[in-house]
Each structure stands twice: as structure tokens, then as C-alpha cells.
Amino acid sequence: YTYFFNLDTVIHSVNIIDSISIEKK
């Protein structure tokens, strides 16, 4: 077995990162 994950939310600061989009949860 391994674990799979369901990504709910990504929160980030905005110093060099402008945005993050979730393409596949």
C-alpha cells in the first residue's frame, strides 16, 4: 500500500510567487 491524497487548499505568500493553481486535486 501507499497513500493517495486529495488536495483541498494551497495557501502561499507572494514574494516571488504570484499565484498557484491546482490542476489536479
PDB file of all heavy atoms in Angstrom:
ATOM      1  N   TYR A   1       0.821  -1.206   0.000  1.00  0.00           N
ATOM      2  CA  TYR A   1       0.000   0.000   0.000  1.00  0.00           C
ATOM      3  C   TYR A   1       0.859   1.262   0.000  1.00  0.00           C
ATOM      4  O   TYR A   1       1.992   1.277   0.471  1.00  0.00           O
ATOM      5  CB  TYR A   1      -0.881   0.048   1.255  1.00  0.00           C
ATOM      6  CG  TYR A   1      -2.034  -0.923   1.213  1.00  0.00           C
ATOM      7  CD1 TYR A   1      -1.892  -2.222   1.671  1.00  0.00           C
ATOM      8  CD2 TYR A   1      -3.274  -0.530   0.711  1.00  0.00           C
ATOM      9  CE1 TYR A   1      -2.947  -3.122   1.635  1.00  0.00           C
ATOM     10  CE2 TYR A   1      -4.340  -1.414   0.675  1.00  0.00           C
ATOM     11  CZ  TYR A   1      -4.170  -2.705   1.136  1.00  0.00           C
ATOM     12  OH  TYR A   1      -5.215  -3.581   1.086  1.00  0.00           O
ATOM     13  N   THR A   2       0.278   2.314  -0.507  1.00  0.00           N
ATOM     14  CA  THR A   2       0.794   3.662  -0.358  1.00  0.00           C
ATOM     15  C   THR A   2      -0.408   4.539  -0.040  1.00  0.00           C
ATOM     16  O   THR A   2      -1.528   4.055   0.061  1.00  0.00           O
ATOM     17  CB  THR A   2       1.518   4.159  -1.623  1.00  0.00           C
ATOM     18  OG1 THR A   2       2.195   5.385  -1.316  1.00  0.00           O
ATOM     19  CG2 THR A   2       0.556   4.385  -2.774  1.00  0.00           C
ATOM     20  N   TYR A   3      -0.185   5.808   0.135  1.00  0.00           N
ATOM     21  CA  TYR A   3      -1.291   6.740   0.368  1.00  0.00           C
ATOM     22  C   TYR A   3      -1.434   7.676  -0.822  1.00  0.00           C
ATOM     23  O   TYR A   3      -0.448   8.180  -1.354  1.00  0.00           O
ATOM     24  CB  TYR A   3      -1.060   7.553   1.653  1.00  0.00           C
ATOM     25  CG  TYR A   3      -1.386   6.771   2.890  1.00  0.00           C
ATOM     26  CD1 TYR A   3      -0.413   6.003   3.517  1.00  0.00           C
ATOM     27  CD2 TYR A   3      -2.670   6.769   3.407  1.00  0.00           C
ATOM     28  CE1 TYR A   3      -0.725   5.254   4.644  1.00  0.00           C
ATOM     29  CE2 TYR A   3      -2.985   6.031   4.529  1.00  0.00           C
ATOM     30  CZ  TYR A   3      -2.008   5.272   5.145  1.00  0.00           C
ATOM     31  OH  TYR A   3      -2.328   4.535   6.246  1.00  0.00           O
ATOM     32  N   PHE A   4      -2.663   7.891  -1.234  1.00  0.00           N
ATOM     33  CA  PHE A   4      -3.016   8.918  -2.197  1.00  0.00           C
ATOM     34  C   PHE A   4      -3.632  10.067  -1.402  1.00  0.00           C
ATOM     35  O   PHE A   4      -4.077   9.878  -0.267  1.00  0.00           O
ATOM     36  CB  PHE A   4      -4.019   8.407  -3.226  1.00  0.00           C
ATOM     37  CG  PHE A   4      -3.424   7.521  -4.299  1.00  0.00           C
ATOM     38  CD1 PHE A   4      -2.089   7.177  -4.328  1.00  0.00           C
ATOM     39  CD2 PHE A   4      -4.234   7.032  -5.298  1.00  0.00           C
ATOM     40  CE1 PHE A   4      -1.561   6.361  -5.325  1.00  0.00           C
ATOM     41  CE2 PHE A   4      -3.730   6.220  -6.301  1.00  0.00           C
ATOM     42  CZ  PHE A   4      -2.392   5.883  -6.312  1.00  0.00           C
ATOM     43  N   PHE A   5      -3.651  11.249  -1.986  1.00  0.00           N
ATOM     44  CA  PHE A   5      -4.107  12.450  -1.293  1.00  0.00           C
ATOM     45  C   PHE A   5      -5.136  13.194  -2.139  1.00  0.00           C
ATOM     46  O   PHE A   5      -5.065  13.179  -3.364  1.00  0.00           O
ATOM     47  CB  PHE A   5      -2.932  13.386  -1.013  1.00  0.00           C
ATOM     48  CG  PHE A   5      -1.861  12.768  -0.170  1.00  0.00           C
ATOM     49  CD1 PHE A   5      -0.818  12.066  -0.752  1.00  0.00           C
ATOM     50  CD2 PHE A   5      -1.905  12.872   1.211  1.00  0.00           C
ATOM     51  CE1 PHE A   5       0.166  11.486   0.022  1.00  0.00           C
ATOM     52  CE2 PHE A   5      -0.920  12.289   1.997  1.00  0.00           C
ATOM     53  CZ  PHE A   5       0.109  11.597   1.401  1.00  0.00           C
ATOM     54  N   ASN A   6      -6.055  13.853  -1.468  1.00  0.00           N
ATOM     55  CA  ASN A   6      -6.983  14.786  -2.104  1.00  0.00           C
ATOM     56  C   ASN A   6      -6.625  16.182  -1.612  1.00  0.00           C
ATOM     57  O   ASN A   6      -6.839  16.509  -0.441  1.00  0.00           O
ATOM     58  CB  ASN A   6      -8.438  14.456  -1.750  1.00  0.00           C
ATOM     59  CG  ASN A   6      -8.934  13.232  -2.473  1.00  0.00           C
ATOM     60  OD1 ASN A   6      -8.674  13.051  -3.647  1.00  0.00           O
ATOM     61  ND2 ASN A   6      -9.639  12.372  -1.761  1.00  0.00           N
ATOM     62  N   LEU A   7      -6.072  16.973  -2.493  1.00  0.00           N
ATOM     63  CA  LEU A   7      -5.630  18.317  -2.152  1.00  0.00           C
ATOM     64  C   LEU A   7      -6.838  19.242  -2.090  1.00  0.00           C
ATOM     65  O   LEU A   7      -7.615  19.339  -3.043  1.00  0.00           O
ATOM     66  CB  LEU A   7      -4.631  18.800  -3.196  1.00  0.00           C
ATOM     67  CG  LEU A   7      -3.948  20.123  -2.953  1.00  0.00           C
ATOM     68  CD1 LEU A   7      -3.189  20.116  -1.627  1.00  0.00           C
ATOM     69  CD2 LEU A   7      -2.998  20.427  -4.097  1.00  0.00           C
ATOM     70  N   ASP A   8      -6.990  19.908  -0.964  1.00  0.00           N
ATOM     71  CA  ASP A   8      -8.121  20.802  -0.758  1.00  0.00           C
ATOM     72  C   ASP A   8      -7.733  22.252  -1.032  1.00  0.00           C
ATOM     73  O   ASP A   8      -8.390  22.954  -1.786  1.00  0.00           O
ATOM     74  CB  ASP A   8      -8.643  20.656   0.676  1.00  0.00           C
ATOM     75  CG  ASP A   8      -9.814  21.559   0.959  1.00  0.00           C
ATOM     76  OD1 ASP A   8     -10.795  21.501   0.194  1.00  0.00           O
ATOM     77  OD2 ASP A   8      -9.736  22.333   1.924  1.00  0.00           O
ATOM     78  N   THR A   9      -6.636  22.704  -0.411  1.00  0.00           N
ATOM     79  CA  THR A   9      -6.274  24.117  -0.449  1.00  0.00           C
ATOM     80  C   THR A   9      -4.763  24.277  -0.492  1.00  0.00           C
ATOM     81  O   THR A   9      -4.037  23.508   0.138  1.00  0.00           O
ATOM     82  CB  THR A   9      -6.791  24.836   0.821  1.00  0.00           C
ATOM     83  OG1 THR A   9      -8.188  24.570   0.970  1.00  0.00           O
ATOM     84  CG2 THR A   9      -6.564  26.324   0.768  1.00  0.00           C
ATOM     85  N   VAL A  10      -4.307  25.291  -1.219  1.00  0.00           N
ATOM     86  CA  VAL A  10      -2.906  25.717  -1.183  1.00  0.00           C
ATOM     87  C   VAL A  10      -2.895  27.197  -0.839  1.00  0.00           C
ATOM     88  O   VAL A  10      -3.527  28.003  -1.519  1.00  0.00           O
ATOM     89  CB  VAL A  10      -2.180  25.491  -2.527  1.00  0.00           C
ATOM     90  CG1 VAL A  10      -0.744  26.004  -2.453  1.00  0.00           C
ATOM     91  CG2 VAL A  10      -2.207  24.034  -2.927  1.00  0.00           C
ATOM     92  N   ILE A  11      -2.201  27.533   0.235  1.00  0.00           N
ATOM     93  CA  ILE A  11      -2.049  28.925   0.677  1.00  0.00           C
ATOM     94  C   ILE A  11      -0.573  29.275   0.527  1.00  0.00           C
ATOM     95  O   ILE A  11       0.286  28.462   0.863  1.00  0.00           O
ATOM     96  CB  ILE A  11      -2.493  29.084   2.145  1.00  0.00           C
ATOM     97  CG1 ILE A  11      -3.954  28.655   2.297  1.00  0.00           C
ATOM     98  CG2 ILE A  11      -2.280  30.525   2.621  1.00  0.00           C
ATOM     99  CD1 ILE A  11      -4.383  28.469   3.740  1.00  0.00           C
ATOM    100  N   HIS A  12      -0.283  30.467   0.012  1.00  0.00           N
ATOM    101  CA  HIS A  12       1.128  30.840  -0.199  1.00  0.00           C
ATOM    102  C   HIS A  12       1.332  32.329   0.030  1.00  0.00           C
ATOM    103  O   HIS A  12       0.395  33.124  -0.093  1.00  0.00           O
ATOM    104  CB  HIS A  12       1.576  30.456  -1.615  1.00  0.00           C
ATOM    105  CG  HIS A  12       0.819  31.191  -2.683  1.00  0.00           C
ATOM    106  ND1 HIS A  12       1.196  32.413  -3.159  1.00  0.00           N
ATOM    107  CD2 HIS A  12      -0.308  30.863  -3.353  1.00  0.00           C
ATOM    108  CE1 HIS A  12       0.357  32.814  -4.077  1.00  0.00           C
ATOM    109  NE2 HIS A  12      -0.592  31.889  -4.209  1.00  0.00           N
ATOM    110  N   SER A  13       2.571  32.678   0.342  1.00  0.00           N
ATOM    111  CA  SER A  13       2.927  34.093   0.412  1.00  0.00           C
ATOM    112  C   SER A  13       3.216  34.571  -1.014  1.00  0.00           C
ATOM    113  O   SER A  13       3.279  33.772  -1.956  1.00  0.00           O
ATOM    114  CB  SER A  13       4.142  34.295   1.327  1.00  0.00           C
ATOM    115  OG  SER A  13       5.249  33.555   0.849  1.00  0.00           O
ATOM    116  N   VAL A  14       3.373  35.881  -1.190  1.00  0.00           N
ATOM    117  CA  VAL A  14       3.531  36.442  -2.539  1.00  0.00           C
ATOM    118  C   VAL A  14       4.773  37.329  -2.634  1.00  0.00           C
ATOM    119  O   VAL A  14       4.685  38.500  -2.953  1.00  0.00           O
ATOM    120  CB  VAL A  14       2.261  37.218  -2.986  1.00  0.00           C
ATOM    121  CG1 VAL A  14       1.130  36.277  -3.284  1.00  0.00           C
ATOM    122  CG2 VAL A  14       1.837  38.232  -1.950  1.00  0.00           C
ATOM    123  N   ASN A  15       5.921  36.745  -2.373  1.00  0.00           N
ATOM    124  CA  ASN A  15       7.176  37.480  -2.543  1.00  0.00           C
ATOM    125  C   ASN A  15       7.678  37.359  -3.982  1.00  0.00           C
ATOM    126  O   ASN A  15       7.829  38.364  -4.664  1.00  0.00           O
ATOM    127  CB  ASN A  15       8.212  36.995  -1.538  1.00  0.00           C
ATOM    128  CG  ASN A  15       7.775  37.310  -0.128  1.00  0.00           C
ATOM    129  OD1 ASN A  15       7.311  38.412   0.156  1.00  0.00           O
ATOM    130  ND2 ASN A  15       7.860  36.336   0.757  1.00  0.00           N
ATOM    131  N   ILE A  16       7.935  36.125  -4.433  1.00  0.00           N
ATOM    132  CA  ILE A  16       8.259  35.900  -5.849  1.00  0.00           C
ATOM    133  C   ILE A  16       7.131  35.125  -6.533  1.00  0.00           C
ATOM    134  O   ILE A  16       6.910  35.265  -7.716  1.00  0.00           O
ATOM    135  CB  ILE A  16       9.620  35.198  -6.034  1.00  0.00           C
ATOM    136  CG1 ILE A  16      10.056  35.283  -7.503  1.00  0.00           C
ATOM    137  CG2 ILE A  16       9.580  33.768  -5.526  1.00  0.00           C
ATOM    138  CD1 ILE A  16      11.510  34.909  -7.749  1.00  0.00           C
ATOM    139  N   ILE A  17       6.407  34.334  -5.757  1.00  0.00           N
ATOM    140  CA  ILE A  17       5.273  33.598  -6.315  1.00  0.00           C
ATOM    141  C   ILE A  17       4.103  34.554  -6.494  1.00  0.00           C
ATOM    142  O   ILE A  17       3.717  35.259  -5.568  1.00  0.00           O
ATOM    143  CB  ILE A  17       4.855  32.429  -5.403  1.00  0.00           C
ATOM    144  CG1 ILE A  17       5.958  31.372  -5.342  1.00  0.00           C
ATOM    145  CG2 ILE A  17       3.556  31.796  -5.894  1.00  0.00           C
ATOM    146  CD1 ILE A  17       5.675  30.252  -4.365  1.00  0.00           C
ATOM    147  N   ASP A  18       3.554  34.562  -7.703  1.00  0.00           N
ATOM    148  CA  ASP A  18       2.376  35.384  -7.975  1.00  0.00           C
ATOM    149  C   ASP A  18       1.108  34.610  -7.633  1.00  0.00           C
ATOM    150  O   ASP A  18       0.225  35.121  -6.972  1.00  0.00           O
ATOM    151  CB  ASP A  18       2.355  35.802  -9.446  1.00  0.00           C
ATOM    152  CG  ASP A  18       1.122  36.610  -9.784  1.00  0.00           C
ATOM    153  OD1 ASP A  18       1.144  37.831  -9.511  1.00  0.00           O
ATOM    154  OD2 ASP A  18       0.138  36.025 -10.271  1.00  0.00           O
ATOM    155  N   SER A  19       1.049  33.363  -8.112  1.00  0.00           N
ATOM    156  CA  SER A  19      -0.130  32.547  -7.866  1.00  0.00           C
ATOM    157  C   SER A  19       0.208  31.073  -8.040  1.00  0.00           C
ATOM    158  O   SER A  19       1.210  30.724  -8.650  1.00  0.00           O
ATOM    159  CB  SER A  19      -1.272  32.937  -8.813  1.00  0.00           C
ATOM    160  OG  SER A  19      -0.876  32.757 -10.156  1.00  0.00           O
ATOM    161  N   ILE A  20      -0.662  30.225  -7.490  1.00  0.00           N
ATOM    162  CA  ILE A  20      -0.556  28.777  -7.652  1.00  0.00           C
ATOM    163  C   ILE A  20      -1.938  28.269  -8.022  1.00  0.00           C
ATOM    164  O   ILE A  20      -2.911  28.551  -7.324  1.00  0.00           O
ATOM    165  CB  ILE A  20      -0.055  28.088  -6.375  1.00  0.00           C
ATOM    166  CG1 ILE A  20       1.357  28.553  -6.030  1.00  0.00           C
ATOM    167  CG2 ILE A  20      -0.099  26.561  -6.530  1.00  0.00           C
ATOM    168  CD1 ILE A  20       1.909  27.975  -4.739  1.00  0.00           C
ATOM    169  N   SER A  21      -2.016  27.535  -9.110  1.00  0.00           N
ATOM    170  CA  SER A  21      -3.294  26.943  -9.494  1.00  0.00           C
ATOM    171  C   SER A  21      -3.228  25.436  -9.272  1.00  0.00           C
ATOM    172  O   SER A  21      -2.208  24.802  -9.524  1.00  0.00           O
ATOM    173  CB  SER A  21      -3.641  27.255 -10.949  1.00  0.00           C
ATOM    174  OG  SER A  21      -2.754  26.608 -11.827  1.00  0.00           O
ATOM    175  N   ILE A  22      -4.328  24.892  -8.775  1.00  0.00           N
ATOM    176  CA  ILE A  22      -4.440  23.449  -8.592  1.00  0.00           C
ATOM    177  C   ILE A  22      -4.991  22.874  -9.883  1.00  0.00           C
ATOM    178  O   ILE A  22      -6.116  23.179 -10.265  1.00  0.00           O
ATOM    179  CB  ILE A  22      -5.347  23.099  -7.393  1.00  0.00           C
ATOM    180  CG1 ILE A  22      -4.778  23.678  -6.098  1.00  0.00           C
ATOM    181  CG2 ILE A  22      -5.507  21.585  -7.289  1.00  0.00           C
ATOM    182  CD1 ILE A  22      -5.698  23.506  -4.896  1.00  0.00           C
ATOM    183  N   GLU A  23      -4.187  22.064 -10.565  1.00  0.00           N
ATOM    184  CA  GLU A  23      -4.584  21.467 -11.834  1.00  0.00           C
ATOM    185  C   GLU A  23      -5.246  20.117 -11.646  1.00  0.00           C
ATOM    186  O   GLU A  23      -6.135  19.755 -12.402  1.00  0.00           O
ATOM    187  CB  GLU A  23      -3.366  21.331 -12.757  1.00  0.00           C
ATOM    188  CG  GLU A  23      -2.742  22.650 -13.126  1.00  0.00           C
ATOM    189  CD  GLU A  23      -3.694  23.567 -13.860  1.00  0.00           C
ATOM    190  OE1 GLU A  23      -4.312  23.120 -14.848  1.00  0.00           O
ATOM    191  OE2 GLU A  23      -3.843  24.734 -13.444  1.00  0.00           O
ATOM    192  N   LYS A  24      -4.774  19.360 -10.694  1.00  0.00           N
ATOM    193  CA  LYS A  24      -5.333  18.041 -10.408  1.00  0.00           C
ATOM    194  C   LYS A  24      -5.288  17.843  -8.902  1.00  0.00           C
ATOM    195  O   LYS A  24      -4.215  17.781  -8.306  1.00  0.00           O
ATOM    196  CB  LYS A  24      -4.535  16.959 -11.122  1.00  0.00           C
ATOM    197  CG  LYS A  24      -5.119  15.575 -10.964  1.00  0.00           C
ATOM    198  CD  LYS A  24      -4.600  14.640 -12.029  1.00  0.00           C
ATOM    199  CE  LYS A  24      -5.115  13.251 -11.900  1.00  0.00           C
ATOM    200  NZ  LYS A  24      -6.528  13.071 -11.938  1.00  0.00           N
ATOM    201  N   LYS A  25      -6.449  17.748  -8.279  1.00  0.00           N
ATOM    202  CA  LYS A  25      -6.537  17.661  -6.820  1.00  0.00           C
ATOM    203  C   LYS A  25      -6.106  16.313  -6.261  1.00  0.00           C
ATOM    204  O   LYS A  25      -5.653  16.225  -5.140  1.00  0.00           O
ATOM    205  CB  LYS A  25      -7.972  17.957  -6.363  1.00  0.00           C
ATOM    206  CG  LYS A  25      -8.348  19.399  -6.497  1.00  0.00           C
ATOM    207  CD  LYS A  25      -9.738  19.649  -5.949  1.00  0.00           C
ATOM    208  CE  LYS A  25     -10.013  21.132  -5.917  1.00  0.00           C
ATOM    209  NZ  LYS A  25     -10.289  21.620  -4.606  1.00  0.00           N
TER     210      LYS A  25
END
